[in-house]
């Protein structure tokens, strides 16, 4: 789960995504060289390629860990993810990303942490990197 910060970054664990346009979406699936309609990886709602302009924003450098999510659970009485047996994440997985939580729980965590979830264009621009991968 990545999160956005409104305003200045809360810590050194955030990255400034600069303002500007980027190419969003896909028309051709590069791994298979086939049209979007025939690709196993691309989705129809990802086409056509289009240009999107975004203002600057900060995004967390790393996903939310099990340990961070546990602090939220203890503070709010939210249910633990199903794979956490006995209400605890598996031993040795404190620093791994929390998984198998739904959008509503991710949104609740982000709000509790004073952040918000990225919108699709924000996530795609951050994930593509400066070279547009």
Protein backbone atom coordinates (compact mmCIF):
# COMPACT_ATOMS: atom_id res chain seq x y z
CA UNK A 1 0.00 0.00 0.00
CA UNK A 2 1.50 3.32 -1.03
CA UNK A 3 0.30 6.55 0.44
CA UNK A 4 0.39 10.18 -0.50
CA UNK A 5 1.13 13.11 1.73
CA UNK A 6 -0.64 16.41 1.47
CA UNK A 7 1.88 19.22 1.73
CA UNK A 8 5.45 18.55 2.82
CA UNK A 9 6.84 15.08 3.39
CA UNK A 10 6.46 13.60 6.85
CA UNK A 11 9.86 11.89 6.77
CA UNK A 12 12.82 10.88 4.66
CA UNK A 13 10.75 7.87 3.61
CA UNK A 14 8.87 9.96 1.04
CA UNK A 15 9.72 10.86 -2.52
CA UNK A 16 8.71 14.03 -4.34
CA UNK A 17 7.09 13.23 -7.66
CA UNK A 18 7.71 16.36 -9.72
CA UNK A 19 5.01 18.19 -11.64
CA UNK A 20 4.57 17.52 -15.30
CA UNK A 21 3.07 15.42 -17.99
CA UNK A 22 3.59 11.70 -18.39
CA UNK A 23 2.29 9.04 -20.74
CA UNK A 24 -0.34 6.89 -19.05
CA UNK A 25 -1.82 3.62 -20.22
CA UNK A 26 -0.82 1.15 -22.89
CA UNK A 27 -1.66 0.31 -26.47
CA UNK A 28 0.74 -2.55 -27.16
CA UNK A 29 1.79 -5.19 -24.63
CA UNK A 30 5.61 -5.04 -24.87
CA UNK A 31 6.28 -8.51 -23.46
CA UNK A 32 4.14 -10.32 -26.00
CA UNK A 33 4.09 -7.81 -28.84
CA UNK A 34 0.34 -8.24 -29.21
CA UNK A 35 -2.56 -5.82 -29.23
CA UNK A 36 -4.06 -4.89 -25.88
CA UNK A 37 -7.19 -6.92 -26.64
CA UNK A 38 -5.10 -10.11 -26.89
CA UNK A 39 -2.66 -9.49 -24.05
CA UNK A 40 -2.73 -11.53 -20.85
CA UNK A 41 -1.28 -8.64 -18.81
CA UNK A 42 -2.82 -5.45 -20.22
CA UNK A 43 -6.40 -4.47 -19.42
CA UNK A 44 -8.86 -2.83 -21.77
CA UNK A 45 -9.28 0.14 -19.43
CA UNK A 46 -5.55 0.89 -19.79
CA UNK A 47 -5.87 1.99 -23.41
CA UNK A 48 -5.42 4.13 -25.29
CA UNK A 49 -2.14 5.70 -24.28
CA UNK A 50 -2.80 9.29 -23.24
CA UNK A 51 -0.94 12.21 -21.70
CA UNK A 52 -1.77 13.25 -18.14
CA UNK A 53 -0.44 16.31 -16.30
CA UNK A 54 -0.04 16.13 -12.51
CA UNK A 55 0.96 18.69 -9.92
CA UNK A 56 3.82 17.71 -7.57
CA UNK A 57 3.08 15.30 -4.74
CA UNK A 58 4.88 13.11 -2.24
CA UNK A 59 4.52 9.35 -2.12
CA UNK A 60 5.89 6.90 0.42
CA UNK A 61 9.18 5.35 -0.66
CA UNK A 62 8.27 1.95 0.82
CA UNK A 63 5.05 -0.01 1.27
CA UNK A 64 3.41 -0.17 4.69
CA UNK A 65 4.97 -2.98 6.72
CA UNK A 66 3.25 -5.55 8.88
CA UNK A 67 4.73 -3.85 11.96
CA UNK A 68 3.38 -0.43 10.92
CA UNK A 69 -0.03 -1.90 10.15
CA UNK A 70 -0.07 -3.63 13.52
CA UNK A 71 0.30 -0.26 15.27
CA UNK A 72 -2.79 0.93 13.38
CA UNK A 73 -4.73 -2.21 14.31
CA UNK A 74 -3.90 -1.86 17.99
CA UNK A 75 -4.86 1.84 17.97
CA UNK A 76 -8.14 1.41 16.10
CA UNK A 77 -9.35 -2.15 16.78
CA UNK A 78 -9.44 -2.87 13.04
CA UNK A 79 -9.43 -6.58 12.24
CA UNK A 80 -6.12 -8.19 11.37
CA UNK A 81 -5.48 -9.64 7.91
CA UNK A 82 -6.77 -13.21 7.58
CA UNK A 83 -3.29 -14.73 7.31
CA UNK A 84 -2.26 -13.28 10.69
CA UNK A 85 -2.89 -16.27 12.92
CA UNK A 86 -3.90 -15.35 16.44
CA UNK A 87 -4.00 -11.67 15.49
CA UNK A 88 -0.24 -11.51 14.84
CA UNK A 89 1.78 -11.38 11.65
CA UNK A 90 4.01 -14.42 11.02
CA UNK A 91 7.35 -14.46 12.84
CA UNK A 92 10.13 -12.75 10.92
CA UNK A 93 7.71 -10.76 8.73
CA UNK A 94 7.60 -7.46 10.64
CA UNK A 95 9.42 -5.55 7.90
CA UNK A 96 7.57 -7.16 4.98
CA UNK A 97 4.70 -5.31 3.30
CA UNK A 98 1.24 -5.90 4.71
CA UNK A 99 -0.82 -7.94 2.22
CA UNK A 100 -4.37 -9.21 1.77
CA UNK A 101 -6.12 -6.11 3.06
CA UNK A 102 -8.96 -4.56 1.11
CA UNK A 103 -9.22 -1.03 -0.24
CA UNK A 104 -11.39 0.09 2.69
CA UNK A 105 -8.80 -1.01 5.25
CA UNK A 106 -5.98 0.55 3.22
CA UNK A 107 -7.92 3.81 3.07
CA UNK A 108 -8.61 3.70 6.83
CA UNK A 109 -4.91 3.13 7.54
CA UNK A 110 -3.90 6.01 5.28
CA UNK A 111 -6.37 8.39 6.93
CA UNK A 112 -5.23 7.27 10.39
CA UNK A 113 -1.62 7.97 9.34
CA UNK A 114 -2.57 11.45 8.04
CA UNK A 115 -2.18 10.44 4.41
CA UNK A 116 -4.34 9.27 1.51
CA UNK A 117 -4.21 6.57 -1.12
CA UNK A 118 -2.93 7.63 -4.52
CA UNK A 119 -5.31 8.04 -7.42
CA UNK A 120 -4.60 5.80 -10.42
CA UNK A 121 -2.67 8.44 -12.42
CA UNK A 122 -0.56 9.33 -9.35
CA UNK A 123 0.30 5.70 -8.73
CA UNK A 124 1.14 5.04 -12.38
CA UNK A 125 3.39 8.10 -12.69
CA UNK A 126 5.27 7.19 -9.49
CA UNK A 127 5.55 3.53 -10.51
CA UNK A 128 6.78 4.26 -14.03
CA UNK A 129 9.73 6.27 -12.78
CA UNK A 130 11.46 9.18 -14.44
CA UNK A 131 12.14 7.24 -17.63
CA UNK A 132 8.51 6.16 -18.14
CA UNK A 133 8.96 2.40 -17.69
